[in-house]
C-alpha atoms as a PDB file:
ATOM      1  CA  MET A   1      -2.393 -15.514  61.682  1.00  0.00           C
ATOM      2  CA  ASP A   2      -2.551 -12.900  64.183  1.00  0.00           C
ATOM      3  CA  LEU A   3       0.626 -11.120  65.188  1.00  0.00           C
ATOM      4  CA  ASP A   4       0.967  -9.145  68.205  1.00  0.00           C
ATOM      5  CA  LEU A   5       2.642  -6.042  67.088  1.00  0.00           C
ATOM      6  CA  ARG A   6       4.309  -5.464  70.180  1.00  0.00           C
ATOM      7  CA  SER A   7       6.465  -8.401  69.495  1.00  0.00           C
ATOM      8  CA  VAL A   8       7.092  -7.217  65.966  1.00  0.00           C
ATOM      9  CA  ARG A   9       8.477  -4.154  67.569  1.00  0.00           C
ATOM     10  CA  TYR A  10      10.445  -5.920  69.884  1.00  0.00           C
ATOM     11  CA  PHE A  11      12.006  -7.986  66.830  1.00  0.00           C
ATOM     12  CA  VAL A  12      13.118  -5.390  65.082  1.00  0.00           C
ATOM     13  CA  ALA A  13      14.414  -3.617  68.129  1.00  0.00           C
ATOM     14  CA  LEU A  14      16.808  -6.637  68.537  1.00  0.00           C
ATOM     15  CA  ALA A  15      17.350  -6.687  64.580  1.00  0.00           C
ATOM     16  CA  ASP A  16      18.561  -3.352  64.845  1.00  0.00           C
ATOM     17  CA  GLU A  17      20.921  -4.391  67.844  1.00  0.00           C
ATOM     18  CA  LEU A  18      22.091  -7.890  67.103  1.00  0.00           C
ATOM     19  CA  HIS A  19      22.406  -7.845  70.818  1.00  0.00           C
ATOM     20  CA  PHE A  20      19.836  -8.811  74.052  1.00  0.00           C
ATOM     21  CA  GLY A  21      21.343  -6.705  76.329  1.00  0.00           C
ATOM     22  CA  ARG A  22      21.371  -3.313  74.454  1.00  0.00           C
ATOM     23  CA  ALA A  23      18.009  -4.269  72.505  1.00  0.00           C
ATOM     24  CA  ALA A  24      16.248  -4.791  76.109  1.00  0.00           C
ATOM     25  CA  ALA A  25      17.631  -1.891  77.601  1.00  0.00           C
ATOM     26  CA  LYS A  26      16.414   0.029  74.280  1.00  0.00           C
ATOM     27  CA  LEU A  27      12.761  -1.319  75.198  1.00  0.00           C
ATOM     28  CA  TYR A  28      12.854  -1.454  78.922  1.00  0.00           C
ATOM     29  CA  LEU A  29      12.657  -4.406  79.287  1.00  0.00           C
ATOM     30  CA  SER A  30      14.622  -7.411  80.988  1.00  0.00           C
ATOM     31  CA  GLN A  31      16.488  -9.538  78.687  1.00  0.00           C
ATOM     32  CA  PRO A  32      14.351 -12.929  80.031  1.00  0.00           C
ATOM     33  CA  ALA A  33      11.573 -11.162  78.812  1.00  0.00           C
ATOM     34  CA  LEU A  34      12.889 -10.410  75.470  1.00  0.00           C
ATOM     35  CA  SER A  35      13.775 -13.341  74.932  1.00  0.00           C
ATOM     36  CA  LYS A  36      10.554 -14.645  75.460  1.00  0.00           C
ATOM     37  CA  GLN A  37       8.428 -12.688  73.881  1.00  0.00           C
ATOM     38  CA  ILE A  38      11.346 -13.554  70.479  1.00  0.00           C
ATOM     39  CA  ARG A  39      10.280 -17.005  71.462  1.00  0.00           C
ATOM     40  CA  LYS A  40       6.671 -16.434  70.831  1.00  0.00           C
ATOM     41  CA  LEU A  41       6.982 -14.957  67.820  1.00  0.00           C
ATOM     42  CA  GLU A  42       9.069 -17.618  66.124  1.00  0.00           C
ATOM     43  CA  GLU A  43       6.746 -19.984  67.543  1.00  0.00           C
ATOM     44  CA  ARG A  44       3.705 -18.421  65.823  1.00  0.00           C
ATOM     45  CA  LEU A  45       5.474 -17.912  62.859  1.00  0.00           C
ATOM     46  CA  GLY A  46       6.876 -21.554  62.759  1.00  0.00           C
ATOM     47  CA  THR A  47      10.309 -20.358  61.582  1.00  0.00           C
ATOM     48  CA  ARG A  48      12.972 -19.457  63.127  1.00  0.00           C
ATOM     49  CA  LEU A  49      14.143 -15.699  62.781  1.00  0.00           C
ATOM     50  CA  LEU A  50      17.651 -15.673  64.859  1.00  0.00           C
ATOM     51  CA  VAL A  51      20.626 -17.841  65.835  1.00  0.00           C
ATOM     52  CA  ARG A  52      21.817 -17.253  69.265  1.00  0.00           C
ATOM     53  CA  ASP A  53      25.004 -18.233  71.085  1.00  0.00           C
ATOM     54  CA  THR A  54      26.629 -16.989  73.926  1.00  0.00           C
ATOM     55  CA  ARG A  55      28.320 -14.433  72.107  1.00  0.00           C
ATOM     56  CA  HIS A  56      26.361 -13.537  68.843  1.00  0.00           C
ATOM     57  CA  VAL A  57      22.754 -12.602  67.253  1.00  0.00           C
ATOM     58  CA  THR A  58      22.646 -13.700  63.741  1.00  0.00           C
ATOM     59  CA  LEU A  59      19.415 -12.997  61.511  1.00  0.00           C
ATOM     60  CA  THR A  60      18.365 -16.040  59.554  1.00  0.00           C
ATOM     61  CA  ALA A  61      17.727 -15.804  56.112  1.00  0.00           C
ATOM     62  CA  ARG A  62      13.659 -15.626  56.832  1.00  0.00           C
ATOM     63  CA  GLY A  63      14.664 -13.113  59.798  1.00  0.00           C
ATOM     64  CA  GLU A  64      16.216 -10.510  57.062  1.00  0.00           C
ATOM     65  CA  ARG A  65      12.912 -11.301  55.000  1.00  0.00           C
ATOM     66  CA  PHE A  66      10.849 -10.544  57.755  1.00  0.00           C
ATOM     67  CA  LEU A  67      12.429  -7.461  59.241  1.00  0.00           C
ATOM     68  CA  VAL A  68      11.736  -6.001  55.604  1.00  0.00           C
ATOM     69  CA  GLU A  69       8.172  -7.226  56.204  1.00  0.00           C
ATOM     70  CA  ALA A  70       7.761  -6.181  59.649  1.00  0.00           C
ATOM     71  CA  ARG A  71       9.318  -2.496  59.323  1.00  0.00           C
ATOM     72  CA  GLN A  72       6.379  -1.686  56.474  1.00  0.00           C
ATOM     73  CA  LEU A  73       3.916  -3.703  59.310  1.00  0.00           C
ATOM     74  CA  LEU A  74       4.654  -1.076  61.831  1.00  0.00           C
ATOM     75  CA  ALA A  75       4.961   1.513  59.427  1.00  0.00           C
ATOM     76  CA  ILE A  76       1.100   1.004  58.552  1.00  0.00           C
ATOM     77  CA  ALA A  77      -0.089   0.253  61.975  1.00  0.00           C
ATOM     78  CA  GLN A  78       1.424   3.751  63.031  1.00  0.00           C
ATOM     79  CA  SER A  79      -0.101   5.501  60.245  1.00  0.00           C
ATOM     80  CA  MET A  80      -3.465   4.493  60.891  1.00  0.00           C
ATOM     81  CA  GLN A  81      -3.100   5.869  64.620  1.00  0.00           C
ATOM     82  CA  GLN A  82      -2.556   9.248  63.571  1.00  0.00           C
ATOM     83  CA  PRO A  83      -5.368  11.457  63.067  1.00  0.00           C
ATOM     84  CA  ASP A  84      -5.747  13.193  59.786  1.00  0.00           C
ATOM     85  CA  ARG A  85      -3.881  16.388  60.200  1.00  0.00           C
ATOM     86  CA  VAL A  86      -3.019  17.928  56.808  1.00  0.00           C
ATOM     87  CA  ASN A  87      -1.836  20.780  58.021  1.00  0.00           C
ATOM     88  CA  SER A  88       0.687  19.452  60.695  1.00  0.00           C
ATOM     89  CA  LEU A  89       4.419  18.704  61.554  1.00  0.00           C
ATOM     90  CA  ARG A  90       6.139  16.440  63.946  1.00  0.00           C
ATOM     91  CA  MET A  91       9.256  16.690  65.310  1.00  0.00           C
ATOM     92  CA  ALA A  92      11.525  16.089  68.452  1.00  0.00           C
ATOM     93  CA  HIS A  93      14.043  17.869  70.860  1.00  0.00           C
ATOM     94  CA  ILE A  94      17.005  15.968  72.679  1.00  0.00           C
ATOM     95  CA  PHE A  95      16.788  17.401  76.145  1.00  0.00           C
ATOM     96  CA  GLU A  96      17.275  21.414  76.282  1.00  0.00           C
ATOM     97  CA  LEU A  97      20.279  21.844  73.755  1.00  0.00           C
ATOM     98  CA  ASP A  98      19.217  24.305  71.692  1.00  0.00           C
ATOM     99  CA  THR A  99      19.307  23.761  68.323  1.00  0.00           C
ATOM    100  CA  SER A 100      16.150  21.949  67.908  1.00  0.00           C
ATOM    101  CA  ARG A 101      14.274  24.684  70.191  1.00  0.00           C
ATOM    102  CA  VAL A 102      15.639  27.464  68.159  1.00  0.00           C
ATOM    103  CA  ILE A 103      14.767  25.934  65.039  1.00  0.00           C
ATOM    104  CA  ALA A 104      11.221  25.105  66.670  1.00  0.00           C
ATOM    105  CA  ASP A 105      10.495  28.736  67.819  1.00  0.00           C
ATOM    106  CA  ALA A 106      11.632  30.060  64.428  1.00  0.00           C
ATOM    107  CA  PHE A 107       9.308  27.598  62.419  1.00  0.00           C
ATOM    108  CA  ALA A 108       5.903  28.347  65.249  1.00  0.00           C
ATOM    109  CA  SER A 109       6.704  32.197  64.519  1.00  0.00           C
ATOM    110  CA  ALA A 110       6.747  31.957  60.867  1.00  0.00           C
ATOM    111  CA  CYS A 111       4.012  29.395  60.180  1.00  0.00           C
ATOM    112  CA  PRO A 112       1.490  29.941  63.540  1.00  0.00           C
ATOM    113  CA  ASP A 113      -1.303  27.880  61.450  1.00  0.00           C
ATOM    114  CA  VAL A 114       0.519  24.596  61.312  1.00  0.00           C
ATOM    115  CA  ASP A 115       0.022  22.410  64.218  1.00  0.00           C
ATOM    116  CA  LEU A 116       3.619  21.664  65.579  1.00  0.00           C
ATOM    117  CA  SER A 117       3.423  18.300  67.586  1.00  0.00           C
ATOM    118  CA  GLU A 118       6.840  18.205  69.454  1.00  0.00           C
ATOM    119  CA  HIS A 119       8.603  15.275  71.576  1.00  0.00           C
ATOM    120  CA  ALA A 120      11.573  14.096  73.300  1.00  0.00           C
ATOM    121  CA  MET A 121      14.182  11.580  71.894  1.00  0.00           C
ATOM    122  CA  ASP A 122      17.814  10.643  71.260  1.00  0.00           C
ATOM    123  CA  SER A 123      19.217  10.783  67.920  1.00  0.00           C
ATOM    124  CA  ALA A 124      18.732   6.800  67.216  1.00  0.00           C
ATOM    125  CA  ALA A 125      15.032   7.074  68.637  1.00  0.00           C
ATOM    126  CA  GLN A 126      14.551   9.774  66.229  1.00  0.00           C
ATOM    127  CA  LEU A 127      15.494   7.902  63.314  1.00  0.00           C
ATOM    128  CA  GLU A 128      13.518   5.237  64.047  1.00  0.00           C
ATOM    129  CA  ALA A 129      10.551   6.958  64.446  1.00  0.00           C
ATOM    130  CA  LEU A 130      11.287   9.062  61.608  1.00  0.00           C
ATOM    131  CA  LEU A 131      11.423   5.803  59.255  1.00  0.00           C
ATOM    132  CA  GLU A 132       8.449   4.512  60.660  1.00  0.00           C
ATOM    133  CA  HIS A 133       6.647   7.456  59.680  1.00  0.00           C
ATOM    134  CA  ARG A 134       5.775   8.982  63.800  1.00  0.00           C
ATOM    135  CA  LEU A 135       8.012  12.195  63.093  1.00  0.00           C
ATOM    136  CA  ASP A 136       7.937  14.408  59.909  1.00  0.00           C
ATOM    137  CA  VAL A 137      11.543  15.710  60.556  1.00  0.00           C
ATOM    138  CA  ALA A 138      14.827  14.641  62.842  1.00  0.00           C
ATOM    139  CA  ILE A 139      17.210  17.332  64.073  1.00  0.00           C
ATOM    140  CA  LEU A 140      19.902  14.875  65.312  1.00  0.00           C
ATOM    141  CA  ARG A 141      23.534  13.683  65.307  1.00  0.00           C
ATOM    142  CA  ILE A 142      24.337  10.932  62.709  1.00  0.00           C
ATOM    143  CA  SER A 143      26.488   8.212  63.787  1.00  0.00           C
ATOM    144  CA  PRO A 144      27.632   5.690  61.242  1.00  0.00           C
ATOM    145  CA  ARG A 145      25.977   3.161  62.494  1.00  0.00           C
ATOM    146  CA  MET A 146      22.815   4.515  61.204  1.00  0.00           C
ATOM    147  CA  VAL A 147      23.877   4.940  57.766  1.00  0.00           C
ATOM    148  CA  LEU A 148      25.101   1.600  57.218  1.00  0.00           C
ATOM    149  CA  ASP A 149      21.717   0.254  59.028  1.00  0.00           C
ATOM    150  CA  HIS A 150      19.472   2.415  57.096  1.00  0.00           C
ATOM    151  CA  PRO A 151      20.978   3.005  53.818  1.00  0.00           C
ATOM    152  CA  ALA A 152      18.289   4.346  51.657  1.00  0.00           C
ATOM    153  CA  GLY A 153      14.642   5.861  52.255  1.00  0.00           C
ATOM    154  CA  TRP A 154      15.920   9.322  54.091  1.00  0.00           C
ATOM    155  CA  THR A 155      17.876  11.965  53.084  1.00  0.00           C
ATOM    156  CA  HIS A 156      20.179  14.477  55.866  1.00  0.00           C
ATOM    157  CA  ARG A 157      22.122  17.735  55.284  1.00  0.00           C
ATOM    158  CA  LEU A 158      24.253  19.158  57.965  1.00  0.00           C
ATOM    159  CA  LEU A 159      22.589  22.113  60.016  1.00  0.00           C
ATOM    160  CA  ARG A 160      24.820  23.313  62.653  1.00  0.00           C
ATOM    161  CA  LEU A 161      28.615  22.112  63.880  1.00  0.00           C
ATOM    162  CA  GLU A 162      28.205  22.852  67.964  1.00  0.00           C
ATOM    163  CA  PRO A 163      31.355  23.665  69.712  1.00  0.00           C
ATOM    164  CA  LEU A 164      32.089  21.944  72.381  1.00  0.00           C
ATOM    165  CA  VAL A 165      33.957  23.565  75.278  1.00  0.00           C
ATOM    166  CA  LEU A 166      35.440  23.172  79.037  1.00  0.00           C
ATOM    167  CA  VAL A 167      33.337  24.141  82.152  1.00  0.00           C
ATOM    168  CA  GLY A 168      34.981  24.256  85.489  1.00  0.00           C
ATOM    169  CA  HIS A 169      34.111  25.904  88.912  1.00  0.00           C
ATOM    170  CA  PRO A 170      33.688  29.353  89.575  1.00  0.00           C
ATOM    171  CA  GLY A 171      36.237  31.687  88.927  1.00  0.00           C
ATOM    172  CA  PRO A 172      38.292  33.323  86.632  1.00  0.00           C
ATOM    173  CA  ALA A 173      38.513  31.455  83.462  1.00  0.00           C
ATOM    174  CA  GLY A 174      41.603  31.799  80.866  1.00  0.00           C
ATOM    175  CA  PRO A 175      40.718  31.605  77.021  1.00  0.00           C
ATOM    176  CA  ALA A 176      41.879  28.360  76.754  1.00  0.00           C
ATOM    177  CA  ASP A 177      42.520  25.268  78.443  1.00  0.00           C
ATOM    178  CA  SER A 178      43.832  21.616  77.956  1.00  0.00           C
ATOM    179  CA  LEU A 179      42.040  18.448  76.454  1.00  0.00           C
ATOM    180  CA  LEU A 180      44.985  16.160  77.461  1.00  0.00           C
ATOM    181  CA  ASP A 181      46.206  17.929  80.935  1.00  0.00           C
ATOM    182  CA  ARG A 182      43.578  15.774  83.096  1.00  0.00           C
ATOM    183  CA  PRO A 183      40.656  13.614  82.551  1.00  0.00           C
ATOM    184  CA  LEU A 184      37.566  15.191  81.185  1.00  0.00           C
ATOM    185  CA  ASP A 185      34.160  14.811  82.874  1.00  0.00           C
ATOM    186  CA  VAL A 186      31.194  13.981  80.199  1.00  0.00           C
ATOM    187  CA  PHE A 187      27.655  13.092  80.354  1.00  0.00           C
ATOM    188  CA  GLY A 188      27.385  10.392  78.505  1.00  0.00           C
ATOM    189  CA  ASP A 189      26.524   6.521  78.679  1.00  0.00           C
ATOM    190  CA  PRO A 190      29.682   4.481  77.738  1.00  0.00           C
ATOM    191  CA  PRO A 191      29.422   1.535  75.747  1.00  0.00           C
ATOM    192  CA  GLU A 192      28.802  -0.817  78.554  1.00  0.00           C
ATOM    193  CA  SER A 193      26.343   0.712  79.984  1.00  0.00           C
ATOM    194  CA  GLY A 194      23.430  -0.654  77.574  1.00  0.00           C
ATOM    195  CA  SER A 195      21.899   2.664  76.648  1.00  0.00           C
ATOM    196  CA  TYR A 196      25.172   3.550  74.542  1.00  0.00           C
ATOM    197  CA  ASN A 197      24.039   6.044  71.497  1.00  0.00           C
ATOM    198  CA  ALA A 198      24.982   8.460  68.807  1.00  0.00           C
ATOM    199  CA  HIS A 199      26.638  10.454  71.416  1.00  0.00           C
ATOM    200  CA  GLY A 200      28.358   8.101  73.478  1.00  0.00           C
ATOM    201  CA  ASP A 201      29.868   7.078  69.848  1.00  0.00           C
ATOM    202  CA  TYR A 202      30.918  10.517  69.104  1.00  0.00           C
ATOM    203  CA  LEU A 203      32.635  10.438  72.573  1.00  0.00           C
ATOM    204  CA  THR A 204      34.262   6.917  72.200  1.00  0.00           C
ATOM    205  CA  ALA A 205      35.792   8.710  68.998  1.00  0.00           C
ATOM    206  CA  LEU A 206      36.691  11.658  70.902  1.00  0.00           C
ATOM    207  CA  GLU A 207      39.132   9.457  73.162  1.00  0.00           C
ATOM    208  CA  HIS A 208      40.259   7.442  70.327  1.00  0.00           C
ATOM    209  CA  ASP A 209      41.258  10.231  67.942  1.00  0.00           C
ATOM    210  CA  LEU A 210      42.554  13.174  70.536  1.00  0.00           C
ATOM    211  CA  GLY A 211      44.092  10.732  72.828  1.00  0.00           C
ATOM    212  CA  VAL A 212      41.432  12.436  75.577  1.00  0.00           C
ATOM    213  CA  ARG A 213      40.569  10.738  78.999  1.00  0.00           C
ATOM    214  CA  LEU A 214      36.951  10.660  79.940  1.00  0.00           C
ATOM    215  CA  ARG A 215      35.229  10.020  82.619  1.00  0.00           C
ATOM    216  CA  TRP A 216      31.548   9.009  81.789  1.00  0.00           C
ATOM    217  CA  LEU A 217      28.983   9.960  84.212  1.00  0.00           C
ATOM    218  CA  GLY A 218      25.842   8.578  82.190  1.00  0.00           C
ATOM    219  CA  THR A 219      23.370  10.946  81.203  1.00  0.00           C
ATOM    220  CA  PRO A 220      21.270  12.965  83.712  1.00  0.00           C
ATOM    221  CA  GLY A 221      19.118  14.970  81.511  1.00  0.00           C
ATOM    222  CA  ALA A 222      17.916  17.890  82.037  1.00  0.00           C
ATOM    223  CA  PHE A 223      19.730  21.013  82.321  1.00  0.00           C
ATOM    224  CA  SER A 224      19.091  21.662  85.704  1.00  0.00           C
ATOM    225  CA  HIS A 225      20.152  18.285  86.685  1.00  0.00           C
ATOM    226  CA  CYS A 226      23.607  18.521  85.017  1.00  0.00           C
ATOM    227  CA  LEU A 227      24.407  21.897  86.480  1.00  0.00           C
ATOM    228  CA  THR A 228      24.036  19.888  90.023  1.00  0.00           C
ATOM    229  CA  ARG A 229      26.039  17.487  88.873  1.00  0.00           C
ATOM    230  CA  VAL A 230      28.818  20.234  88.074  1.00  0.00           C
ATOM    231  CA  THR A 231      28.597  22.129  91.238  1.00  0.00           C
ATOM    232  CA  ARG A 232      28.757  19.701  93.534  1.00  0.00           C
ATOM    233  CA  ALA A 233      31.938  18.135  91.791  1.00  0.00           C
ATOM    234  CA  PRO A 234      34.509  17.885  94.170  1.00  0.00           C
ATOM    235  CA  GLY A 235      38.329  19.422  93.319  1.00  0.00           C
ATOM    236  CA  PRO A 236      39.781  21.009  89.832  1.00  0.00           C
ATOM    237  CA  THR A 237      37.098  19.140  87.679  1.00  0.00           C
ATOM    238  CA  GLN A 238      36.306  19.889  84.163  1.00  0.00           C
ATOM    239  CA  PHE A 239      33.472  19.263  82.216  1.00  0.00           C
ATOM    240  CA  LEU A 240      33.409  19.001  78.230  1.00  0.00           C
ATOM    241  CA  GLU A 241      30.429  20.369  77.515  1.00  0.00           C
ATOM    242  CA  PHE A 242      28.138  21.597  74.382  1.00  0.00           C
ATOM    243  CA  HIS A 243      28.456  25.091  73.889  1.00  0.00           C
ATOM    244  CA  SER A 244      24.565  26.125  74.011  1.00  0.00           C
ATOM    245  CA  TYR A 245      24.690  24.230  77.516  1.00  0.00           C
ATOM    246  CA  ALA A 246      28.093  25.717  78.568  1.00  0.00           C
ATOM    247  CA  VAL A 247      26.894  29.806  78.386  1.00  0.00           C
ATOM    248  CA  ARG A 248      23.870  28.292  80.575  1.00  0.00           C
ATOM    249  CA  TYR A 249      26.420  27.351  83.143  1.00  0.00           C
ATOM    250  CA  ALA A 250      28.488  30.475  82.767  1.00  0.00           C
ATOM    251  CA  GLU A 251      25.164  32.390  83.818  1.00  0.00           C
ATOM    252  CA  HIS A 252      25.666  30.667  87.140  1.00  0.00           C
ATOM    253  CA  GLY A 253      29.046  31.778  87.672  1.00  0.00           C
ATOM    254  CA  LEU A 254      30.861  28.661  86.166  1.00  0.00           C
ATOM    255  CA  ALA A 255      34.442  29.426  84.432  1.00  0.00           C
ATOM    256  CA  LEU A 256      34.351  28.607  80.573  1.00  0.00           C
ATOM    257  CA  SER A 257      36.906  28.029  78.579  1.00  0.00           C
ATOM    258  CA  TRP A 258      37.722  26.886  74.819  1.00  0.00           C
ATOM    259  CA  PRO A 259      39.847  23.932  74.299  1.00  0.00           C
ATOM    260  CA  ARG A 260      43.236  24.474  73.137  1.00  0.00           C
ATOM    261  CA  GLU A 261      44.636  21.361  71.163  1.00  0.00           C
ATOM    262  CA  ALA A 262      41.506  20.871  68.959  1.00  0.00           C
ATOM    263  CA  GLN A 263      38.319  22.354  68.473  1.00  0.00           C
ATOM    264  CA  PRO A 264      35.732  19.359  68.757  1.00  0.00           C
ATOM    265  CA  TYR A 265      32.528  20.278  66.696  1.00  0.00           C
ATOM    266  CA  TYR A 266      28.937  18.147  67.261  1.00  0.00           C
ATOM    267  CA  PRO A 267      27.314  17.882  63.848  1.00  0.00           C
ATOM    268  CA  TRP A 268      23.327  18.186  64.233  1.00  0.00           C
ATOM    269  CA  SER A 269      21.619  17.429  60.722  1.00  0.00           C
ATOM    270  CA  LEU A 270      18.479  17.619  59.786  1.00  0.00           C
ATOM    271  CA  ALA A 271      16.587  14.402  58.417  1.00  0.00           C
ATOM    272  CA  TRP A 272      13.419  13.866  56.332  1.00  0.00           C
ATOM    273  CA  ARG A 273      12.377  10.823  54.551  1.00  0.00           C
ATOM    274  CA  ASP A 274      12.773  10.344  51.036  1.00  0.00           C
ATOM    275  CA  GLU A 275       9.463  11.048  49.914  1.00  0.00           C
ATOM    276  CA  PRO A 276       7.091  14.375  48.564  1.00  0.00           C
ATOM    277  CA  ALA A 277       7.390  16.908  51.233  1.00  0.00           C
ATOM    278  CA  SER A 278       4.325  18.158  52.635  1.00  0.00           C
ATOM    279  CA  PRO A 279       3.893  22.096  52.566  1.00  0.00           C
ATOM    280  CA  ALA A 280       4.668  22.370  56.137  1.00  0.00           C
ATOM    281  CA  LEU A 281       7.992  20.550  55.907  1.00  0.00           C
ATOM    282  CA  ALA A 282       9.094  22.244  53.366  1.00  0.00           C
ATOM    283  CA  ASP A 283       8.872  25.617  54.840  1.00  0.00           C
ATOM    284  CA  PHE A 284      10.516  24.085  58.145  1.00  0.00           C
ATOM    285  CA  LEU A 285      13.504  22.743  55.991  1.00  0.00           C
ATOM    286  CA  ARG A 286      14.032  26.150  54.853  1.00  0.00           C
ATOM    287  CA  ILE A 287      13.592  28.139  57.447  1.00  0.00           C
ATOM    288  CA  ALA A 288      15.959  25.867  59.385  1.00  0.00           C
ATOM    289  CA  ARG A 289      18.643  26.330  56.727  1.00  0.00           C
ATOM    290  CA  ASP A 290      17.846  29.632  56.799  1.00  0.00           C
ATOM    291  CA  GLU A 291      17.946  30.066  60.820  1.00  0.00           C
ATOM    292  CA  ALA A 292      21.530  28.091  60.726  1.00  0.00           C
ATOM    293  CA  GLY A 293      22.678  30.891  57.926  1.00  0.00           C
ATOM    294  CA  ARG A 294      21.718  33.726  60.134  1.00  0.00           C
ATOM    295  CA  ARG A 295      23.066  32.696  63.453  1.00  0.00           C
ATOM    296  CA  GLY A 296      26.672  31.444  61.697  1.00  0.00           C
ATOM    297  CA  TRP A 297      26.048  27.964  62.499  1.00  0.00           C
ATOM    298  CA  LEU A 298      28.533  26.352  60.208  1.00  0.00           C
ATOM    299  CA  ALA A 299      30.900  28.918  60.878  1.00  0.00           C
ATOM    300  CA  HIS A 300      34.225  28.554  63.274  1.00  0.00           C
ATOM    301  CA  PRO A 301      33.717  31.051  66.311  1.00  0.00           C
ATOM    302  CA  ALA A 302      36.542  33.422  66.133  1.00  0.00           C
ATOM    303  CA  ALA A 303      37.058  32.325  70.178  1.00  0.00           C
ATOM    304  CA  ALA A 304      38.080  29.260  69.322  1.00  0.00           C
ATOM    305  CA  HIS A 305      41.692  28.146  69.394  1.00  0.00           C
ATOM    306  CA  GLY A 306      42.009  24.480  68.026  1.00  0.00           C
ATOM    307  CA  ALA A 307      41.883  23.301  64.327  1.00  0.00           C
ATOM    308  CA  PRO A 308      38.225  21.978  64.012  1.00  0.00           C
ATOM    309  CA  TRP A 309      37.565  18.229  64.807  1.00  0.00           C
ATOM    310  CA  LEU A 310      35.421  15.915  63.857  1.00  0.00           C
ATOM    311  CA  PRO A 311      35.423  11.956  64.017  1.00  0.00           C
ATOM    312  CA  PRO A 312      37.091  10.556  61.223  1.00  0.00           C
ATOM    313  CA  ASP A 313      34.086   8.275  60.195  1.00  0.00           C
ATOM    314  CA  ASP A 314      31.490  10.950  60.609  1.00  0.00           C
ATOM    315  CA  PRO A 315      29.134  10.871  57.819  1.00  0.00           C
ATOM    316  CA  SER A 316      28.619  15.129  58.448  1.00  0.00           C
ATOM    317  CA  ARG A 317      32.247  15.391  56.997  1.00  0.00           C
ATOM    318  CA  ALA A 318      31.390  15.419  53.358  1.00  0.00           C
ATOM    319  CA  ALA A 319      29.284  18.139  53.658  1.00  0.00           C
END
C-alpha cells in the first residue's frame, strides 16, 4: 500500500487541532479540500481514523495508533531529505522580535565554522518542526496546550521574560500608564480567526486575568508594517507591544510607557529534543544561557512599575 505523505501530514495537523477550520488555516487549505484528503487517506487505509459531527472531531482507536505511526513516518521522511551536515544547526525566528536574533548573532560570532540555517516560524510551527526533526533548537513561547499535546520527547528551559509596554502617539510619555483606562490595541489573531496561536493564547489570558480590554488587529508581520499601523491609528490609541519592538517605535518619536497596574512578561524558552546533543547544539544552549544572564533577561527591570504577571497556567511559571 502506497501512502501519500501529504495526506499523512494533513492528518497529523488535523489530529493536533481536532478542528477542520483551524487545521485547514494552518495548512493554507480550504476545509472541503482538507476533508477530501482525509477521506482519501481513510479509504486507502480501509479504516476510519476520525469521528466527525457538526461540532466535534475525535480520533478513533485506530486513529490514535496511526497518529503515532504518522509522526514517526514524517520524521523519517524529513530526515531522509536532509543533507548529511555534521557541523550544522537549524533554528527559526518569530518575525523581527529580537530574542532569537540576539542568540543567533552571538552563536554565529562564537562558532563561525558551524553552518547556521535560519527560518521564520511561529511558536507552534517551531515545536512541530522540532519534533519532526526539521529544526534542531527552538526559541518560542510554550503554551499549556503544547505541553498537554506533547508530554514527552522534548525539553524546554526559560530563556527570557520580555516586558510588554505601552506605545502611543508622538509626544511626551509619562513613566507609567494604565492598562485598564481604555481598550488596548494588540497585534494578534483572536480565537475565532482560525490562525489563533501561542501569542493569542497569552493575550486571552491577559484579558481574562487582568480584565484588560483588547482590540485584536491581526498579525501584520514585519516591524515596518506594525509601525505603519501604529502611526496611522486615529485618536489617543495605545498599543501593547513587546519591549524589543517598542524601543524601535521610540526611535520614530512614538511615546513609550510602562504599565501601572501589573507588568506583563512574555516568556521565551529554549526547546530541544530529548536525545544526545550535537556539539553545535550544546554550544548553542550554553551561549543562549550565558547571553540571557549577561543581558539580565530574567530580571525585573528597574523602570517597571507593576508587579510581574504571567498567565496563571503558563508552563514557564515553574522556572
